[in-house]
Amino acid sequence: MTRGELEYLDLSQNALESIEGLEYLPSVTYVNLGSPLDHWSFILMANGIWATNCFITENNVITRLDIAGSMSRLRCLRLSDNRLEGSLDVRALCNVRILYADRNRITGIIHGEKMKRLETLSLRYQSGKGL
């Protein structure tokens, strides 16, 4: 297999501190970073997972999500069971159809009107001040 053929990347159940170099895997369509990803903030770089259809990072300790650039190919984003706090800015998630962010500390959604293709949104069990 050449590096351009990988489609499914499952790095779950590791003690990862960062993820770099996804831009070198242009054919990846599914990324799973399930627990435990043990760091406090996570940055989705558009040039890193631009081709990803589904991105999962559940059961971690992520407190902040920064999305750099457009994520126009992303269809599924699963962020449940983290420690996301404050408002979630979704302006770069224009084509996301599924967004799960249960059991966090999210207080609001910014630019939700950009998610014109959204079919499923789950924000259950927010601790703190809630939505």
Foldseek 3Di string as FASTA:
>chain_A
DDLQPDAEAEQDPDQAAADDDQLSHQNHAYYAHEPEPEDAAYEAECSRPLQYQEYHYAQYAYAYYHYHAANDNHAYYEQAHYAHAEEAECLRVQRHQYYHHEAYQYAYYHPPVSNPNHNYYHHYDHPDPHD
